[in-house]
Amino acid sequence: MPSYVSHLECSLTEERFEACSIRTVSEAGKPLLVKYDLERLGREICRNDIERSEDPGFWRYWPLLPVGNPVNRISLGEVVTPLIPMKGTAKEFGWNPDVLIVKDESRLPTGSFKARGLGLAVSMAKELGIEHLAIPTNGNAGSALAAYSARAGIKSTVLCPDNTPIINVRESSIQGANTFRVNGLIGECGEIITNGKDDLGWFAVSTLKEPYRIEGKKTMGLELAEQMKWSLPDVIFYPTGGGTGIIGMWKAFHEMRELGWIDCRFPK
């Protein structure tokens, strides 16, 4: 199956870089965004093709994802995460009981939406021939990297601040990552990874330091639109953290609108 990726692009300057090349950030130090040949994609793929897809979870959106060879799509049994109406809470505010919903991302492998971003990052690492990945984390990202890397046969290293909950540290280790607690904050963990890349040969998948975690997180927006019959909610509340997910969803909305898959107001 083809990849529709046309190039990578600096999010600030719009400078272009070769598609499917090993990249971190742009020359301006800003995140790189994956760009697609949406004109060709729109001619060859339609919404009905997505709706009929039998691919698991977020891989149903493979035309809008960068992995070209299906062999490199690393899967741990992803599902389309459900929309759960919060009827009791809505009633407290006097709202329609179906107006307030939660997208339950805990149904994903490793228990959080981190599986989306790291699933794509690891899959692209496999496609690009990267053999060792490293990440700083004080939560669920480490276990997601560890799990997908183990399935892909890629070595992983996880650095956690020393105040990281022990359950997160253990989960990363049990999933197969070389896991270390660092006497410092997550920024220090990130510095160690950045400074160690030449000597230790790992590739950093830190937040917004490579192009592909955004592509995984954007599948939240793609799924949401399909589940809402190709519409979007009025407002999205999102635990933003490093920002990868909110950037990814916004990117997905723009791509779907350009393809003609949605024609509605974007959420606040």
Protein backbone atom coordinates (compact mmCIF):
# COMPACT_ATOMS: atom_id res chain seq x y z
CA MET A 1 0.00 0.00 0.00
CA PRO A 2 1.34 3.47 -0.83
CA SER A 3 2.38 6.19 1.58
CA TYR A 4 0.82 9.54 0.75
CA VAL A 5 3.53 11.52 2.55
CA SER A 6 4.94 14.26 0.33
CA HIS A 7 7.51 15.89 2.64
CA LEU A 8 8.34 17.10 6.14
CA GLU A 9 7.87 20.80 6.88
CA CYS A 10 9.13 23.18 9.57
CA SER A 11 6.18 24.35 11.64
CA LEU A 12 7.64 27.87 11.80
CA THR A 13 9.42 28.60 8.51
CA GLU A 14 7.72 26.04 6.22
CA GLU A 15 11.15 24.87 5.08
CA ARG A 16 10.81 21.47 3.42
CA PHE A 17 12.72 18.29 4.15
CA GLU A 18 12.75 14.93 2.44
CA ALA A 19 9.94 12.57 3.36
CA CYS A 20 10.73 9.41 5.32
CA SER A 21 14.17 10.63 6.37
CA ILE A 22 15.50 10.42 9.91
CA ARG A 23 14.87 13.87 11.37
CA THR A 24 14.48 15.51 14.74
CA VAL A 25 13.60 19.23 14.59
CA SER A 26 14.05 21.79 11.81
CA GLU A 27 17.05 24.04 11.28
CA ALA A 28 15.10 26.68 13.22
CA GLY A 29 14.79 24.29 16.15
CA LYS A 30 11.04 23.85 15.67
CA PRO A 31 8.94 20.68 15.29
CA LEU A 32 8.64 19.12 11.86
CA LEU A 33 5.17 18.33 10.53
CA VAL A 34 4.38 15.46 8.17
CA LYS A 35 2.71 16.72 5.00
CA TYR A 36 0.62 14.59 2.64
CA ASP A 37 -0.32 14.70 -1.01
CA LEU A 38 -3.96 15.29 -0.11
CA GLU A 39 -4.99 15.83 -3.71
CA ARG A 40 -3.88 12.31 -4.67
CA LEU A 41 -5.17 10.84 -1.43
CA GLY A 42 -8.57 12.41 -2.04
CA ARG A 43 -8.74 10.87 -5.51
CA GLU A 44 -7.87 7.38 -4.29
CA ILE A 45 -9.40 7.19 -0.78
CA CYS A 46 -12.82 8.29 0.48
CA ARG A 47 -14.56 8.29 3.84
CA ASN A 48 -16.40 5.10 2.94
CA ASP A 49 -13.05 3.31 2.59
CA ILE A 50 -12.22 4.32 6.16
CA GLU A 51 -15.61 3.24 7.47
CA ARG A 52 -15.21 -0.19 5.82
CA SER A 53 -11.67 -0.70 7.12
CA GLU A 54 -10.93 -3.84 9.12
CA ASP A 55 -7.55 -2.55 10.36
CA PRO A 56 -7.31 -2.40 14.18
CA GLY A 57 -7.89 0.86 16.02
CA PHE A 58 -5.99 3.87 14.75
CA TRP A 59 -4.42 1.90 11.89
CA ARG A 60 -7.77 2.20 10.07
CA TYR A 61 -6.54 5.70 9.17
CA TRP A 62 -3.37 4.45 7.48
CA PRO A 63 -3.79 6.71 4.39
CA LEU A 64 -3.30 9.72 6.69
CA LEU A 65 -0.40 8.12 8.53
CA PRO A 66 3.25 8.03 7.45
CA VAL A 67 4.05 4.30 7.63
CA GLY A 68 4.38 3.04 4.05
CA ASN A 69 5.05 -0.69 4.47
CA PRO A 70 2.21 -2.50 6.30
CA VAL A 71 4.80 -4.85 7.83
CA ASN A 72 6.05 -1.91 9.88
CA ARG A 73 2.67 -1.07 11.43
CA ILE A 74 3.31 -2.19 14.99
CA SER A 75 0.07 -3.17 16.70
CA LEU A 76 -0.75 -4.26 20.23
CA GLY A 77 -4.45 -4.76 19.58
CA GLU A 78 -5.63 -1.14 19.47
CA VAL A 79 -9.34 -0.37 19.54
CA VAL A 80 -11.44 2.60 18.54
CA THR A 81 -11.90 4.09 22.00
CA PRO A 82 -15.55 4.60 22.99
CA LEU A 83 -17.45 7.81 23.61
CA ILE A 84 -19.09 7.60 27.05
CA PRO A 85 -21.98 10.00 27.84
CA MET A 86 -21.56 11.63 31.26
CA LYS A 87 -25.28 11.68 31.97
CA GLY A 88 -25.07 12.34 35.70
CA THR A 89 -22.69 15.26 35.38
CA ALA A 90 -24.68 16.76 32.51
CA LYS A 91 -27.85 16.51 34.60
CA GLU A 92 -26.20 18.47 37.42
CA PHE A 93 -25.72 21.38 35.01
CA GLY A 94 -29.20 21.05 33.55
CA TRP A 95 -27.87 19.95 30.17
CA ASN A 96 -29.08 17.38 27.68
CA PRO A 97 -27.78 14.05 29.10
CA ASP A 98 -26.00 13.24 25.83
CA VAL A 99 -24.22 16.58 25.45
CA LEU A 100 -21.21 15.81 27.68
CA ILE A 101 -19.03 12.85 26.63
CA VAL A 102 -15.67 11.38 27.52
CA LYS A 103 -13.48 9.58 24.99
CA ASP A 104 -12.13 6.73 27.10
CA GLU A 105 -8.50 6.42 26.02
CA SER A 106 -7.75 4.00 28.86
CA ARG A 107 -8.95 1.21 26.53
CA LEU A 108 -5.74 1.51 24.50
CA PRO A 109 -2.71 -0.74 25.02
CA THR A 110 -0.70 0.42 28.08
CA GLY A 111 -3.80 2.25 29.34
CA SER A 112 -3.53 5.76 27.93
CA PHE A 113 -3.48 7.88 24.79
CA LYS A 114 0.31 7.73 24.87
CA ALA A 115 -0.07 4.48 22.91
CA ARG A 116 -1.13 6.48 19.85
CA GLY A 117 1.92 8.72 19.62
CA LEU A 118 4.47 6.11 20.61
CA GLY A 119 2.86 3.45 18.42
CA LEU A 120 3.47 5.67 15.40
CA ALA A 121 6.92 6.78 16.53
CA VAL A 122 8.05 3.17 16.99
CA SER A 123 6.50 2.06 13.71
CA MET A 124 8.33 4.80 11.83
CA ALA A 125 11.55 3.93 13.66
CA LYS A 126 11.17 0.38 12.35
CA GLU A 127 10.47 1.69 8.85
CA LEU A 128 13.55 3.94 8.99
CA GLY A 129 15.84 1.26 10.46
CA ILE A 130 16.38 2.89 13.86
CA GLU A 131 17.53 0.31 16.41
CA HIS A 132 17.46 2.15 19.76
CA LEU A 133 14.89 4.67 21.07
CA ALA A 134 15.06 6.78 24.24
CA ILE A 135 12.53 8.94 26.06
CA PRO A 136 12.27 11.09 29.19
CA THR A 137 9.00 10.52 31.05
CA ASN A 138 7.31 10.88 34.41
CA GLY A 139 4.18 8.98 33.43
CA ASN A 140 2.67 6.73 30.79
CA ALA A 141 4.86 7.56 27.78
CA GLY A 142 7.68 5.30 28.98
CA SER A 143 5.55 2.17 29.19
CA ALA A 144 4.02 2.88 25.77
CA LEU A 145 7.47 3.25 24.21
CA ALA A 146 8.67 0.11 25.98
CA ALA A 147 5.72 -2.00 24.89
CA TYR A 148 5.71 -0.99 21.22
CA SER A 149 9.50 -1.20 21.01
CA ALA A 150 9.44 -4.72 22.46
CA ARG A 151 6.89 -5.79 19.85
CA ALA A 152 8.99 -4.17 17.09
CA GLY A 153 12.27 -5.72 18.26
CA ILE A 154 13.78 -2.28 18.93
CA LYS A 155 15.85 -1.48 22.02
CA SER A 156 14.37 1.19 24.30
CA THR A 157 15.71 3.30 27.17
CA VAL A 158 13.47 5.23 29.57
CA LEU A 159 14.70 7.94 31.96
CA CYS A 160 12.35 8.97 34.77
CA PRO A 161 12.69 11.78 37.33
CA ASP A 162 13.20 10.33 40.78
CA ASN A 163 9.73 11.51 41.89
CA THR A 164 7.98 9.46 39.18
CA PRO A 165 5.32 7.15 40.67
CA ILE A 166 6.92 3.75 41.14
CA ILE A 167 4.12 2.03 39.20
CA ASN A 168 5.15 3.93 36.07
CA VAL A 169 8.80 3.08 36.56
CA ARG A 170 8.02 -0.61 37.05
CA GLU A 171 5.66 -0.72 34.09
CA SER A 172 8.32 0.60 31.70
CA SER A 173 10.83 -1.89 33.04
CA ILE A 174 8.45 -4.84 32.88
CA GLN A 175 7.54 -3.96 29.29
CA GLY A 176 11.19 -4.36 28.36
CA ALA A 177 12.84 -0.92 28.49
CA ASN A 178 16.16 -0.20 30.15
CA THR A 179 14.64 2.04 32.81
CA PHE A 180 16.52 4.47 35.06
CA ARG A 181 15.52 6.98 37.75
CA VAL A 182 17.35 10.29 37.50
CA ASN A 183 18.12 12.64 40.38
CA GLY A 184 16.33 15.60 38.83
CA LEU A 185 13.30 16.74 36.86
CA ILE A 186 12.11 15.67 33.43
CA GLY A 187 14.18 18.46 31.88
CA GLU A 188 17.35 16.87 33.21
CA CYS A 189 16.23 13.52 31.82
CA GLY A 190 15.77 15.14 28.43
CA GLU A 191 19.23 16.72 28.58
CA ILE A 192 20.84 13.37 29.36
CA ILE A 193 19.10 11.83 26.35
CA THR A 194 20.09 14.71 24.07
CA ASN A 195 23.70 14.69 25.26
CA GLY A 196 24.00 10.92 25.07
CA LYS A 197 22.76 10.35 21.54
CA ASP A 198 26.22 10.35 19.94
CA ASP A 199 27.93 8.14 22.52
CA LEU A 200 25.05 5.72 23.10
CA GLY A 201 23.52 5.71 19.63
CA TRP A 202 19.91 6.15 20.64
CA PHE A 203 17.28 8.26 18.88
CA ALA A 204 15.23 10.58 21.10
CA VAL A 205 11.45 10.42 20.87
CA SER A 206 10.98 13.27 23.33
CA THR A 207 7.87 15.47 23.04
CA LEU A 208 7.92 17.48 19.79
CA LYS A 209 11.53 16.43 19.08
CA GLU A 210 10.59 14.14 16.17
CA PRO A 211 7.77 14.29 13.59
CA TYR A 212 5.76 11.15 14.21
CA ARG A 213 4.24 11.27 17.69
CA ILE A 214 2.02 14.10 16.43
CA GLU A 215 0.79 11.78 13.65
CA GLY A 216 -0.22 9.17 16.20
CA LYS A 217 -1.98 11.65 18.44
CA LYS A 218 -3.91 13.14 15.54
CA THR A 219 -5.82 9.86 15.28
CA MET A 220 -7.81 11.04 18.31
CA GLY A 221 -9.27 13.73 16.07
CA LEU A 222 -9.82 11.35 13.15
CA GLU A 223 -11.61 8.84 15.37
CA LEU A 224 -13.70 11.52 17.02
CA ALA A 225 -14.91 12.85 13.66
CA GLU A 226 -15.85 9.40 12.39
CA GLN A 227 -17.62 8.50 15.64
CA MET A 228 -19.62 11.75 15.42
CA LYS A 229 -20.67 10.96 11.82
CA TRP A 230 -18.03 13.27 10.35
CA SER A 231 -18.83 16.19 12.54
CA LEU A 232 -16.98 17.67 15.53
CA PRO A 233 -17.97 18.71 19.06
CA ASP A 234 -18.38 22.33 20.09
CA VAL A 235 -15.62 22.15 22.69
CA ILE A 236 -12.80 19.71 23.47
CA PHE A 237 -11.25 19.57 26.93
CA TYR A 238 -7.85 17.94 26.67
CA PRO A 239 -5.11 17.28 29.28
CA THR A 240 -2.54 19.08 27.19
CA GLY A 241 0.79 18.23 28.84
CA GLY A 242 3.48 18.71 26.22
CA GLY A 243 0.94 19.67 23.55
CA THR A 244 1.42 16.84 21.05
CA GLY A 245 -2.22 15.75 21.15
CA ILE A 246 -3.82 19.16 20.75
CA ILE A 247 -1.49 19.93 17.83
CA GLY A 248 -2.23 16.53 16.30
CA MET A 249 -6.00 16.87 16.55
CA TRP A 250 -5.93 20.35 15.03
CA LYS A 251 -3.76 19.00 12.19
CA ALA A 252 -6.27 16.19 11.61
CA PHE A 253 -9.18 18.64 11.44
CA HIS A 254 -7.40 20.69 8.77
CA GLU A 255 -6.50 17.61 6.72
CA MET A 256 -10.06 16.27 6.86
CA ARG A 257 -11.49 19.63 5.85
CA GLU A 258 -9.11 19.87 2.90
CA LEU A 259 -10.15 16.37 1.83
CA GLY A 260 -13.81 17.30 2.08
CA TRP A 261 -14.42 14.70 4.80
CA ILE A 262 -15.81 17.29 7.22
CA ASP A 263 -17.64 20.57 6.69
CA CYS A 264 -18.31 22.01 10.13
CA ARG A 265 -17.04 24.57 12.59
CA PHE A 266 -13.86 23.56 14.42
CA PRO A 267 -14.15 23.05 18.20
CA LYS A 268 -13.01 25.52 20.80
